[in-house]
Structure formats: structure tokens, C-alpha cells
Amino acid sequence: AFDALIEKYHKAIVNFIYRNINDGSRAEELAQKVFVRCYLNIK
């Protein structure tokens, strides 16, 4: 279920971060951090 949430929102989150920081590789890293924080705090 969590993987389905990641699949559903990954692209939108990466795009949002990229447009904010203007760094493609860093946007991917930060998107992963977003989902890690989400996973750790989902409860």
C-alpha cells in the first residue's frame, strides 16, 4: 500500500522539488527523503 502511494505521487513530488531548487539529481534525493519521512511517520 505504501509502495502504491509512492508510485502515485513520486513524479509530482520530484517535479515540485525540482522547480523549487532547480537541481535535478538533488530533487530525486530529496523526494526519497520525503517518502522516507512519510514512511517513518505514517502511523
All heavy atoms as atom14 arrays in JSON, in Angstrom:
{
  "sequence": "AFDALIEKYHKAIVNFIYRNINDGSRAEELAQKVFVRCYLNIK",
  "atom14_mask": [
    [1, 1, 1, 1, 1, 0, 0, 0, 0, 0, 0, 0, 0, 0],
    [1, 1, 1, 1, 1, 1, 1, 1, 1, 1, 1, 0, 0, 0],
    [1, 1, 1, 1, 1, 1, 1, 1, 0, 0, 0, 0, 0, 0],
    [1, 1, 1, 1, 1, 0, 0, 0, 0, 0, 0, 0, 0, 0],
    [1, 1, 1, 1, 1, 1, 1, 1, 0, 0, 0, 0, 0, 0],
    [1, 1, 1, 1, 1, 1, 1, 1, 0, 0, 0, 0, 0, 0],
    [1, 1, 1, 1, 1, 1, 1, 1, 1, 0, 0, 0, 0, 0],
    [1, 1, 1, 1, 1, 1, 1, 1, 1, 0, 0, 0, 0, 0],
    [1, 1, 1, 1, 1, 1, 1, 1, 1, 1, 1, 1, 0, 0],
    [1, 1, 1, 1, 1, 1, 1, 1, 1, 1, 0, 0, 0, 0],
    [1, 1, 1, 1, 1, 1, 1, 1, 1, 0, 0, 0, 0, 0],
    [1, 1, 1, 1, 1, 0, 0, 0, 0, 0, 0, 0, 0, 0],
    [1, 1, 1, 1, 1, 1, 1, 1, 0, 0, 0, 0, 0, 0],
    [1, 1, 1, 1, 1, 1, 1, 0, 0, 0, 0, 0, 0, 0],
    [1, 1, 1, 1, 1, 1, 1, 1, 0, 0, 0, 0, 0, 0],
    [1, 1, 1, 1, 1, 1, 1, 1, 1, 1, 1, 0, 0, 0],
    [1, 1, 1, 1, 1, 1, 1, 1, 0, 0, 0, 0, 0, 0],
    [1, 1, 1, 1, 1, 1, 1, 1, 1, 1, 1, 1, 0, 0],
    [1, 1, 1, 1, 1, 1, 1, 1, 1, 1, 1, 0, 0, 0],
    [1, 1, 1, 1, 1, 1, 1, 1, 0, 0, 0, 0, 0, 0],
    [1, 1, 1, 1, 1, 1, 1, 1, 0, 0, 0, 0, 0, 0],
    [1, 1, 1, 1, 1, 1, 1, 1, 0, 0, 0, 0, 0, 0],
    [1, 1, 1, 1, 1, 1, 1, 1, 0, 0, 0, 0, 0, 0],
    [1, 1, 1, 1, 0, 0, 0, 0, 0, 0, 0, 0, 0, 0],
    [1, 1, 1, 1, 1, 1, 0, 0, 0, 0, 0, 0, 0, 0],
    [1, 1, 1, 1, 1, 1, 1, 1, 1, 1, 1, 0, 0, 0],
    [1, 1, 1, 1, 1, 0, 0, 0, 0, 0, 0, 0, 0, 0],
    [1, 1, 1, 1, 1, 1, 1, 1, 1, 0, 0, 0, 0, 0],
    [1, 1, 1, 1, 1, 1, 1, 1, 1, 0, 0, 0, 0, 0],
    [1, 1, 1, 1, 1, 1, 1, 1, 0, 0, 0, 0, 0, 0],
    [1, 1, 1, 1, 1, 0, 0, 0, 0, 0, 0, 0, 0, 0],
    [1, 1, 1, 1, 1, 1, 1, 1, 1, 0, 0, 0, 0, 0],
    [1, 1, 1, 1, 1, 1, 1, 1, 1, 0, 0, 0, 0, 0],
    [1, 1, 1, 1, 1, 1, 1, 0, 0, 0, 0, 0, 0, 0],
    [1, 1, 1, 1, 1, 1, 1, 1, 1, 1, 1, 0, 0, 0],
    [1, 1, 1, 1, 1, 1, 1, 0, 0, 0, 0, 0, 0, 0],
    [1, 1, 1, 1, 1, 1, 1, 1, 1, 1, 1, 0, 0, 0],
    [1, 1, 1, 1, 1, 1, 0, 0, 0, 0, 0, 0, 0, 0],
    [1, 1, 1, 1, 1, 1, 1, 1, 1, 1, 1, 1, 0, 0],
    [1, 1, 1, 1, 1, 1, 1, 1, 0, 0, 0, 0, 0, 0],
    [1, 1, 1, 1, 1, 1, 1, 1, 0, 0, 0, 0, 0, 0],
    [1, 1, 1, 1, 1, 1, 1, 1, 0, 0, 0, 0, 0, 0],
    [1, 1, 1, 1, 1, 1, 1, 1, 1, 0, 0, 0, 0, 0]
  ],
  "atom14_positions": [
    [[0.85, -1.2, 0.0], [0.0, 0.0, 0.0], [0.88, 1.24, 0.0], [0.61, 2.21, -0.73], [-0.93, 0.0, 1.21], [0.0, 0.0, 0.0], [0.0, 0.0, 0.0], [0.0, 0.0, 0.0], [0.0, 0.0, 0.0], [0.0, 0.0, 0.0], [0.0, 0.0, 0.0], [0.0, 0.0, 0.0], [0.0, 0.0, 0.0], [0.0, 0.0, 0.0]],
    [[1.94, 1.23, 0.81], [2.84, 2.38, 0.84], [3.55, 2.54, -0.51], [3.69, 3.66, -1.01], [3.86, 2.28, 1.98], [4.63, 3.54, 2.15], [4.07, 4.63, 2.8], [5.91, 3.67, 1.63], [4.77, 5.82, 2.93], [6.62, 4.85, 1.76], [6.04, 5.94, 2.41], [0.0, 0.0, 0.0], [0.0, 0.0, 0.0], [0.0, 0.0, 0.0]],
    [[3.98, 1.43, -1.1], [4.61, 1.49, -2.42], [3.66, 2.08, -3.46], [4.09, 2.82, -4.35], [5.08, 0.1, -2.86], [6.28, -0.4, -2.06], [6.94, 0.42, -1.38], [6.57, -1.61, -2.12], [0.0, 0.0, 0.0], [0.0, 0.0, 0.0], [0.0, 0.0, 0.0], [0.0, 0.0, 0.0], [0.0, 0.0, 0.0], [0.0, 0.0, 0.0]],
    [[2.38, 1.76, -3.34], [1.38, 2.32, -4.27], [1.28, 3.84, -4.1], [1.14, 4.57, -5.09], [0.02, 1.67, -4.04], [0.0, 0.0, 0.0], [0.0, 0.0, 0.0], [0.0, 0.0, 0.0], [0.0, 0.0, 0.0], [0.0, 0.0, 0.0], [0.0, 0.0, 0.0], [0.0, 0.0, 0.0], [0.0, 0.0, 0.0], [0.0, 0.0, 0.0]],
    [[1.37, 4.32, -2.86], [1.35, 5.77, -2.61], [2.59, 6.43, -3.23], [2.49, 7.5, -3.84], [1.29, 6.06, -1.12], [-0.05, 5.77, -0.44], [0.11, 5.83, 1.07], [-1.12, 6.73, -0.92], [0.0, 0.0, 0.0], [0.0, 0.0, 0.0], [0.0, 0.0, 0.0], [0.0, 0.0, 0.0], [0.0, 0.0, 0.0], [0.0, 0.0, 0.0]],
    [[3.73, 5.78, -3.08], [4.97, 6.32, -3.67], [4.82, 6.39, -5.18], [5.13, 7.42, -5.81], [6.2, 5.47, -3.3], [6.51, 5.59, -1.82], [7.41, 5.88, -4.14], [7.62, 4.66, -1.34], [0.0, 0.0, 0.0], [0.0, 0.0, 0.0], [0.0, 0.0, 0.0], [0.0, 0.0, 0.0], [0.0, 0.0, 0.0], [0.0, 0.0, 0.0]],
    [[4.35, 5.31, -5.77], [4.2, 5.27, -7.23], [3.24, 6.37, -7.72], [3.47, 7.01, -8.73], [3.68, 3.9, -7.66], [3.65, 3.71, -9.15], [3.28, 2.29, -9.54], [3.69, 1.35, -8.83], [2.56, 2.15, -10.55], [0.0, 0.0, 0.0], [0.0, 0.0, 0.0], [0.0, 0.0, 0.0], [0.0, 0.0, 0.0], [0.0, 0.0, 0.0]],
    [[2.2, 6.59, -6.95], [1.18, 7.56, -7.32], [1.7, 9.01, -7.27], [1.33, 9.84, -8.09], [0.01, 7.39, -6.35], [-1.26, 8.04, -6.76], [-2.36, 7.6, -5.8], [-3.7, 8.03, -6.27], [-4.78, 7.58, -5.41], [0.0, 0.0, 0.0], [0.0, 0.0, 0.0], [0.0, 0.0, 0.0], [0.0, 0.0, 0.0], [0.0, 0.0, 0.0]],
    [[2.57, 9.32, -6.3], [2.96, 10.72, -6.07], [4.44, 11.03, -6.32], [4.83, 12.19, -6.2], [2.57, 11.14, -4.65], [1.08, 11.16, -4.49], [0.43, 10.16, -3.77], [0.31, 12.15, -5.09], [-0.96, 10.18, -3.65], [-1.06, 12.17, -4.97], [-1.68, 11.17, -4.26], [-3.04, 11.18, -4.15], [0.0, 0.0, 0.0], [0.0, 0.0, 0.0]],
    [[5.23, 10.05, -6.65], [6.67, 10.27, -6.81], [6.98, 11.36, -7.84], [7.73, 12.3, -7.57], [7.38, 8.96, -7.18], [8.85, 9.12, -7.31], [9.47, 9.29, -8.53], [9.83, 9.17, -6.38], [10.77, 9.42, -8.34], [11.02, 9.36, -7.05], [0.0, 0.0, 0.0], [0.0, 0.0, 0.0], [0.0, 0.0, 0.0], [0.0, 0.0, 0.0]],
    [[6.41, 11.24, -9.02], [6.72, 12.19, -10.1], [6.32, 13.62, -9.7], [7.08, 14.56, -9.91], [6.01, 11.77, -11.38], [6.37, 12.64, -12.56], [5.72, 12.13, -13.84], [6.12, 13.03, -15.0], [5.55, 12.57, -16.26], [0.0, 0.0, 0.0], [0.0, 0.0, 0.0], [0.0, 0.0, 0.0], [0.0, 0.0, 0.0], [0.0, 0.0, 0.0]],
    [[5.15, 13.78, -9.1], [4.68, 15.12, -8.71], [5.6, 15.73, -7.65], [5.91, 16.92, -7.71], [3.25, 15.05, -8.18], [0.0, 0.0, 0.0], [0.0, 0.0, 0.0], [0.0, 0.0, 0.0], [0.0, 0.0, 0.0], [0.0, 0.0, 0.0], [0.0, 0.0, 0.0], [0.0, 0.0, 0.0], [0.0, 0.0, 0.0], [0.0, 0.0, 0.0]],
    [[6.06, 14.92, -6.7], [6.94, 15.42, -5.64], [8.31, 15.78, -6.22], [8.86, 16.84, -5.89], [7.05, 14.4, -4.48], [5.7, 14.25, -3.77], [8.15, 14.77, -3.51], [5.19, 15.51, -3.09], [0.0, 0.0, 0.0], [0.0, 0.0, 0.0], [0.0, 0.0, 0.0], [0.0, 0.0, 0.0], [0.0, 0.0, 0.0], [0.0, 0.0, 0.0]],
    [[8.85, 14.94, -7.08], [10.14, 15.26, -7.71], [10.02, 16.56, -8.51], [10.89, 17.44, -8.41], [10.63, 14.11, -8.62], [11.83, 14.54, -9.45], [10.99, 12.89, -7.79], [0.0, 0.0, 0.0], [0.0, 0.0, 0.0], [0.0, 0.0, 0.0], [0.0, 0.0, 0.0], [0.0, 0.0, 0.0], [0.0, 0.0, 0.0], [0.0, 0.0, 0.0]],
    [[8.95, 16.7, -9.29], [8.76, 17.93, -10.08], [8.63, 19.15, -9.19], [9.21, 20.2, -9.48], [7.54, 17.8, -10.99], [7.77, 16.89, -12.16], [8.9, 16.69, -12.59], [6.7, 16.31, -12.68], [0.0, 0.0, 0.0], [0.0, 0.0, 0.0], [0.0, 0.0, 0.0], [0.0, 0.0, 0.0], [0.0, 0.0, 0.0], [0.0, 0.0, 0.0]],
    [[7.87, 19.01, -8.11], [7.71, 20.13, -7.19], [9.07, 20.55, -6.61], [9.42, 21.73, -6.6], [6.75, 19.76, -6.05], [6.72, 20.77, -4.95], [6.05, 21.98, -5.14], [7.37, 20.56, -3.76], [6.03, 22.94, -4.13], [7.37, 21.51, -2.76], [6.69, 22.7, -2.94], [0.0, 0.0, 0.0], [0.0, 0.0, 0.0], [0.0, 0.0, 0.0]],
    [[9.84, 19.58, -6.16], [11.15, 19.88, -5.56], [12.09, 20.47, -6.61], [12.78, 21.46, -6.36], [11.75, 18.62, -4.9], [10.89, 18.21, -3.7], [13.2, 18.87, -4.47], [11.24, 16.86, -3.1], [0.0, 0.0, 0.0], [0.0, 0.0, 0.0], [0.0, 0.0, 0.0], [0.0, 0.0, 0.0], [0.0, 0.0, 0.0], [0.0, 0.0, 0.0]],
    [[12.1, 19.86, -7.8], [12.99, 20.35, -8.86], [12.7, 21.82, -9.19], [13.6, 22.63, -9.31], [12.86, 19.49, -10.12], [13.63, 20.04, -11.28], [15.03, 19.95, -11.3], [13.0, 20.69, -12.33], [15.77, 20.49, -12.35], [13.72, 21.23, -13.38], [15.11, 21.12, -13.38], [15.84, 21.66, -14.42], [0.0, 0.0, 0.0], [0.0, 0.0, 0.0]],
    [[11.44, 22.15, -9.29], [11.07, 23.53, -9.64], [11.38, 24.49, -8.51], [11.56, 25.68, -8.73], [9.61, 23.61, -10.04], [9.35, 22.85, -11.34], [7.99, 23.12, -11.88], [7.67, 22.29, -13.02], [8.13, 22.45, -14.25], [8.97, 23.41, -14.51], [7.75, 21.65, -15.23], [0.0, 0.0, 0.0], [0.0, 0.0, 0.0], [0.0, 0.0, 0.0]],
    [[11.51, 23.98, -7.3], [11.87, 24.82, -6.16], [13.37, 25.02, -6.06], [13.83, 26.13, -5.77], [11.37, 24.2, -4.85], [10.12, 24.86, -4.35], [10.16, 26.0, -3.94], [9.02, 24.14, -4.41], [0.0, 0.0, 0.0], [0.0, 0.0, 0.0], [0.0, 0.0, 0.0], [0.0, 0.0, 0.0], [0.0, 0.0, 0.0], [0.0, 0.0, 0.0]],
    [[14.15, 23.96, -6.25], [15.59, 24.07, -6.02], [16.41, 24.09, -7.29], [17.61, 24.37, -7.25], [16.09, 22.94, -5.08], [15.97, 21.57, -5.74], [15.37, 22.99, -3.74], [16.67, 20.46, -4.99], [0.0, 0.0, 0.0], [0.0, 0.0, 0.0], [0.0, 0.0, 0.0], [0.0, 0.0, 0.0], [0.0, 0.0, 0.0], [0.0, 0.0, 0.0]],
    [[15.8, 23.74, -8.44], [16.46, 23.8, -9.74], [17.72, 22.92, -9.81], [18.74, 23.32, -10.34], [16.78, 25.24, -10.11], [16.93, 25.42, -11.6], [16.38, 24.65, -12.37], [17.67, 26.43, -12.01], [0.0, 0.0, 0.0], [0.0, 0.0, 0.0], [0.0, 0.0, 0.0], [0.0, 0.0, 0.0], [0.0, 0.0, 0.0], [0.0, 0.0, 0.0]],
    [[17.64, 21.71, -9.28], [18.75, 20.77, -9.3], [18.15, 19.37, -9.43], [17.58, 18.84, -8.47], [19.57, 20.91, -8.01], [20.79, 20.01, -7.98], [20.82, 18.98, -8.68], [21.73, 20.33, -7.22], [0.0, 0.0, 0.0], [0.0, 0.0, 0.0], [0.0, 0.0, 0.0], [0.0, 0.0, 0.0], [0.0, 0.0, 0.0], [0.0, 0.0, 0.0]],
    [[18.27, 18.8, -10.62], [17.62, 17.52, -10.92], [18.03, 16.36, -10.05], [17.18, 15.65, -9.51], [0.0, 0.0, 0.0], [0.0, 0.0, 0.0], [0.0, 0.0, 0.0], [0.0, 0.0, 0.0], [0.0, 0.0, 0.0], [0.0, 0.0, 0.0], [0.0, 0.0, 0.0], [0.0, 0.0, 0.0], [0.0, 0.0, 0.0], [0.0, 0.0, 0.0]],
    [[19.32, 16.14, -9.89], [19.76, 14.99, -9.1], [19.42, 15.19, -7.62], [19.03, 14.25, -6.93], [21.26, 14.74, -9.28], [22.01, 15.86, -8.87], [0.0, 0.0, 0.0], [0.0, 0.0, 0.0], [0.0, 0.0, 0.0], [0.0, 0.0, 0.0], [0.0, 0.0, 0.0], [0.0, 0.0, 0.0], [0.0, 0.0, 0.0], [0.0, 0.0, 0.0]],
    [[19.54, 16.39, -7.14], [19.21, 16.68, -5.74], [17.69, 16.56, -5.51], [17.27, 16.13, -4.43], [19.7, 18.08, -5.37], [19.66, 18.38, -3.92], [20.73, 17.63, -3.14], [20.57, 17.94, -1.74], [20.51, 17.05, -0.77], [20.66, 15.78, -1.03], [20.33, 17.43, 0.47], [0.0, 0.0, 0.0], [0.0, 0.0, 0.0], [0.0, 0.0, 0.0]],
    [[16.89, 16.89, -6.52], [15.44, 16.76, -6.39], [15.06, 15.3, -6.17], [14.2, 14.99, -5.34], [14.74, 17.31, -7.63], [0.0, 0.0, 0.0], [0.0, 0.0, 0.0], [0.0, 0.0, 0.0], [0.0, 0.0, 0.0], [0.0, 0.0, 0.0], [0.0, 0.0, 0.0], [0.0, 0.0, 0.0], [0.0, 0.0, 0.0], [0.0, 0.0, 0.0]],
    [[15.71, 14.4, -6.88], [15.45, 12.96, -6.69], [15.81, 12.53, -5.26], [15.07, 11.8, -4.62], [16.25, 12.12, -7.68], [15.68, 12.07, -9.06], [14.41, 11.22, -9.17], [14.13, 10.41, -8.27], [13.7, 11.39, -10.17], [0.0, 0.0, 0.0], [0.0, 0.0, 0.0], [0.0, 0.0, 0.0], [0.0, 0.0, 0.0], [0.0, 0.0, 0.0]],
    [[16.97, 13.0, -4.78], [17.4, 12.65, -3.41], [16.41, 13.17, -2.38], [16.05, 12.46, -1.44], [18.78, 13.24, -3.13], [19.91, 12.63, -3.92], [21.22, 13.39, -3.74], [21.37, 14.1, -2.72], [22.09, 13.28, -4.63], [0.0, 0.0, 0.0], [0.0, 0.0, 0.0], [0.0, 0.0, 0.0], [0.0, 0.0, 0.0], [0.0, 0.0, 0.0]],
    [[15.98, 14.42, -2.55], [15.05, 15.0, -1.59], [13.68, 14.33, -1.66], [13.01, 14.18, -0.64], [14.93, 16.51, -1.79], [16.17, 17.32, -1.4], [15.96, 18.78, -1.72], [16.49, 17.15, 0.07], [0.0, 0.0, 0.0], [0.0, 0.0, 0.0], [0.0, 0.0, 0.0], [0.0, 0.0, 0.0], [0.0, 0.0, 0.0], [0.0, 0.0, 0.0]],
    [[13.26, 13.92, -2.85], [11.99, 13.2, -2.97], [12.06, 11.89, -2.2], [11.1, 11.51, -1.51], [11.66, 12.94, -4.44], [0.0, 0.0, 0.0], [0.0, 0.0, 0.0], [0.0, 0.0, 0.0], [0.0, 0.0, 0.0], [0.0, 0.0, 0.0], [0.0, 0.0, 0.0], [0.0, 0.0, 0.0], [0.0, 0.0, 0.0], [0.0, 0.0, 0.0]],
    [[13.2, 11.22, -2.26], [13.37, 10.0, -1.48], [13.26, 10.3, 0.01], [12.64, 9.55, 0.76], [14.71, 9.33, -1.8], [14.73, 8.68, -3.15], [16.07, 8.06, -3.49], [17.0, 8.05, -2.68], [16.19, 7.52, -4.69], [0.0, 0.0, 0.0], [0.0, 0.0, 0.0], [0.0, 0.0, 0.0], [0.0, 0.0, 0.0], [0.0, 0.0, 0.0]],
    [[13.86, 11.42, 0.43], [13.75, 11.81, 1.84], [12.31, 12.09, 2.24], [11.89, 11.76, 3.34], [14.61, 13.05, 2.13], [16.07, 12.77, 2.23], [16.82, 14.03, 2.66], [18.29, 13.75, 2.82], [19.01, 14.91, 3.35], [0.0, 0.0, 0.0], [0.0, 0.0, 0.0], [0.0, 0.0, 0.0], [0.0, 0.0, 0.0], [0.0, 0.0, 0.0]],
    [[11.54, 12.7, 1.33], [10.13, 12.97, 1.6], [9.42, 11.65, 1.89], [8.69, 11.52, 2.89], [9.44, 13.69, 0.41], [7.92, 13.68, 0.56], [9.95, 15.12, 0.29], [0.0, 0.0, 0.0], [0.0, 0.0, 0.0], [0.0, 0.0, 0.0], [0.0, 0.0, 0.0], [0.0, 0.0, 0.0], [0.0, 0.0, 0.0], [0.0, 0.0, 0.0]],
    [[9.64, 10.66, 1.05], [8.95, 9.39, 1.22], [9.48, 8.59, 2.4], [8.72, 7.86, 3.04], [8.96, 8.59, -0.08], [8.05, 9.18, -1.11], [8.56, 9.85, -2.21], [6.67, 9.12, -0.97], [7.72, 10.44, -3.14], [5.82, 9.69, -1.89], [6.34, 10.35, -2.98], [0.0, 0.0, 0.0], [0.0, 0.0, 0.0], [0.0, 0.0, 0.0]],
    [[10.75, 8.74, 2.73], [11.28, 8.09, 3.94], [10.62, 8.7, 5.17], [10.16, 7.98, 6.07], [12.82, 8.23, 4.02], [13.33, 7.85, 5.41], [13.48, 7.36, 2.96], [0.0, 0.0, 0.0], [0.0, 0.0, 0.0], [0.0, 0.0, 0.0], [0.0, 0.0, 0.0], [0.0, 0.0, 0.0], [0.0, 0.0, 0.0], [0.0, 0.0, 0.0]],
    [[10.53, 10.04, 5.22], [9.86, 10.69, 6.35], [8.4, 10.29, 6.42], [7.85, 10.08, 7.5], [10.0, 12.2, 6.26], [11.4, 12.66, 6.59], [11.49, 14.14, 6.72], [12.88, 14.51, 6.98], [13.3, 15.74, 7.09], [12.45, 16.74, 6.99], [14.57, 15.99, 7.31], [0.0, 0.0, 0.0], [0.0, 0.0, 0.0], [0.0, 0.0, 0.0]],
    [[7.78, 10.21, 5.26], [6.39, 9.79, 5.2], [6.24, 8.38, 5.77], [5.37, 8.12, 6.59], [5.91, 9.85, 3.75], [4.2, 9.39, 3.51], [0.0, 0.0, 0.0], [0.0, 0.0, 0.0], [0.0, 0.0, 0.0], [0.0, 0.0, 0.0], [0.0, 0.0, 0.0], [0.0, 0.0, 0.0], [0.0, 0.0, 0.0], [0.0, 0.0, 0.0]],
    [[7.11, 7.49, 5.35], [7.07, 6.09, 5.82], [7.28, 6.01, 7.33], [6.56, 5.31, 8.03], [8.12, 5.26, 5.09], [8.14, 3.82, 5.5], [7.16, 2.94, 5.04], [9.12, 3.32, 6.35], [7.16, 1.61, 5.41], [9.13, 2.0, 6.74], [8.15, 1.15, 6.27], [8.15, -0.17, 6.65], [0.0, 0.0, 0.0], [0.0, 0.0, 0.0]],
    [[8.26, 6.75, 7.83], [8.58, 6.71, 9.26], [7.47, 7.3, 10.12], [7.34, 6.94, 11.29], [9.9, 7.44, 9.53], [11.15, 6.8, 8.94], [12.36, 7.7, 9.15], [11.39, 5.42, 9.54], [0.0, 0.0, 0.0], [0.0, 0.0, 0.0], [0.0, 0.0, 0.0], [0.0, 0.0, 0.0], [0.0, 0.0, 0.0], [0.0, 0.0, 0.0]],
    [[6.69, 8.22, 9.54], [5.67, 8.92, 10.32], [4.24, 8.59, 9.91], [3.31, 9.22, 10.42], [5.9, 10.43, 10.22], [7.2, 10.83, 10.86], [7.36, 10.68, 12.07], [8.15, 11.29, 10.06], [0.0, 0.0, 0.0], [0.0, 0.0, 0.0], [0.0, 0.0, 0.0], [0.0, 0.0, 0.0], [0.0, 0.0, 0.0], [0.0, 0.0, 0.0]],
    [[4.05, 7.63, 9.03], [2.71, 7.33, 8.52], [1.74, 6.94, 9.64], [0.56, 7.25, 9.58], [2.75, 6.24, 7.41], [1.41, 6.17, 6.66], [3.11, 4.89, 7.96], [1.27, 7.14, 5.56], [0.0, 0.0, 0.0], [0.0, 0.0, 0.0], [0.0, 0.0, 0.0], [0.0, 0.0, 0.0], [0.0, 0.0, 0.0], [0.0, 0.0, 0.0]],
    [[2.24, 6.32, 10.68], [1.36, 5.91, 11.79], [0.84, 7.13, 12.56], [-0.19, 7.05, 13.21], [2.07, 4.96, 12.73], [2.3, 3.61, 12.09], [2.91, 2.6, 13.0], [3.09, 1.31, 12.22], [3.47, 0.2, 12.99], [0.0, 0.0, 0.0], [0.0, 0.0, 0.0], [0.0, 0.0, 0.0], [0.0, 0.0, 0.0], [0.0, 0.0, 0.0]]
  ]
}
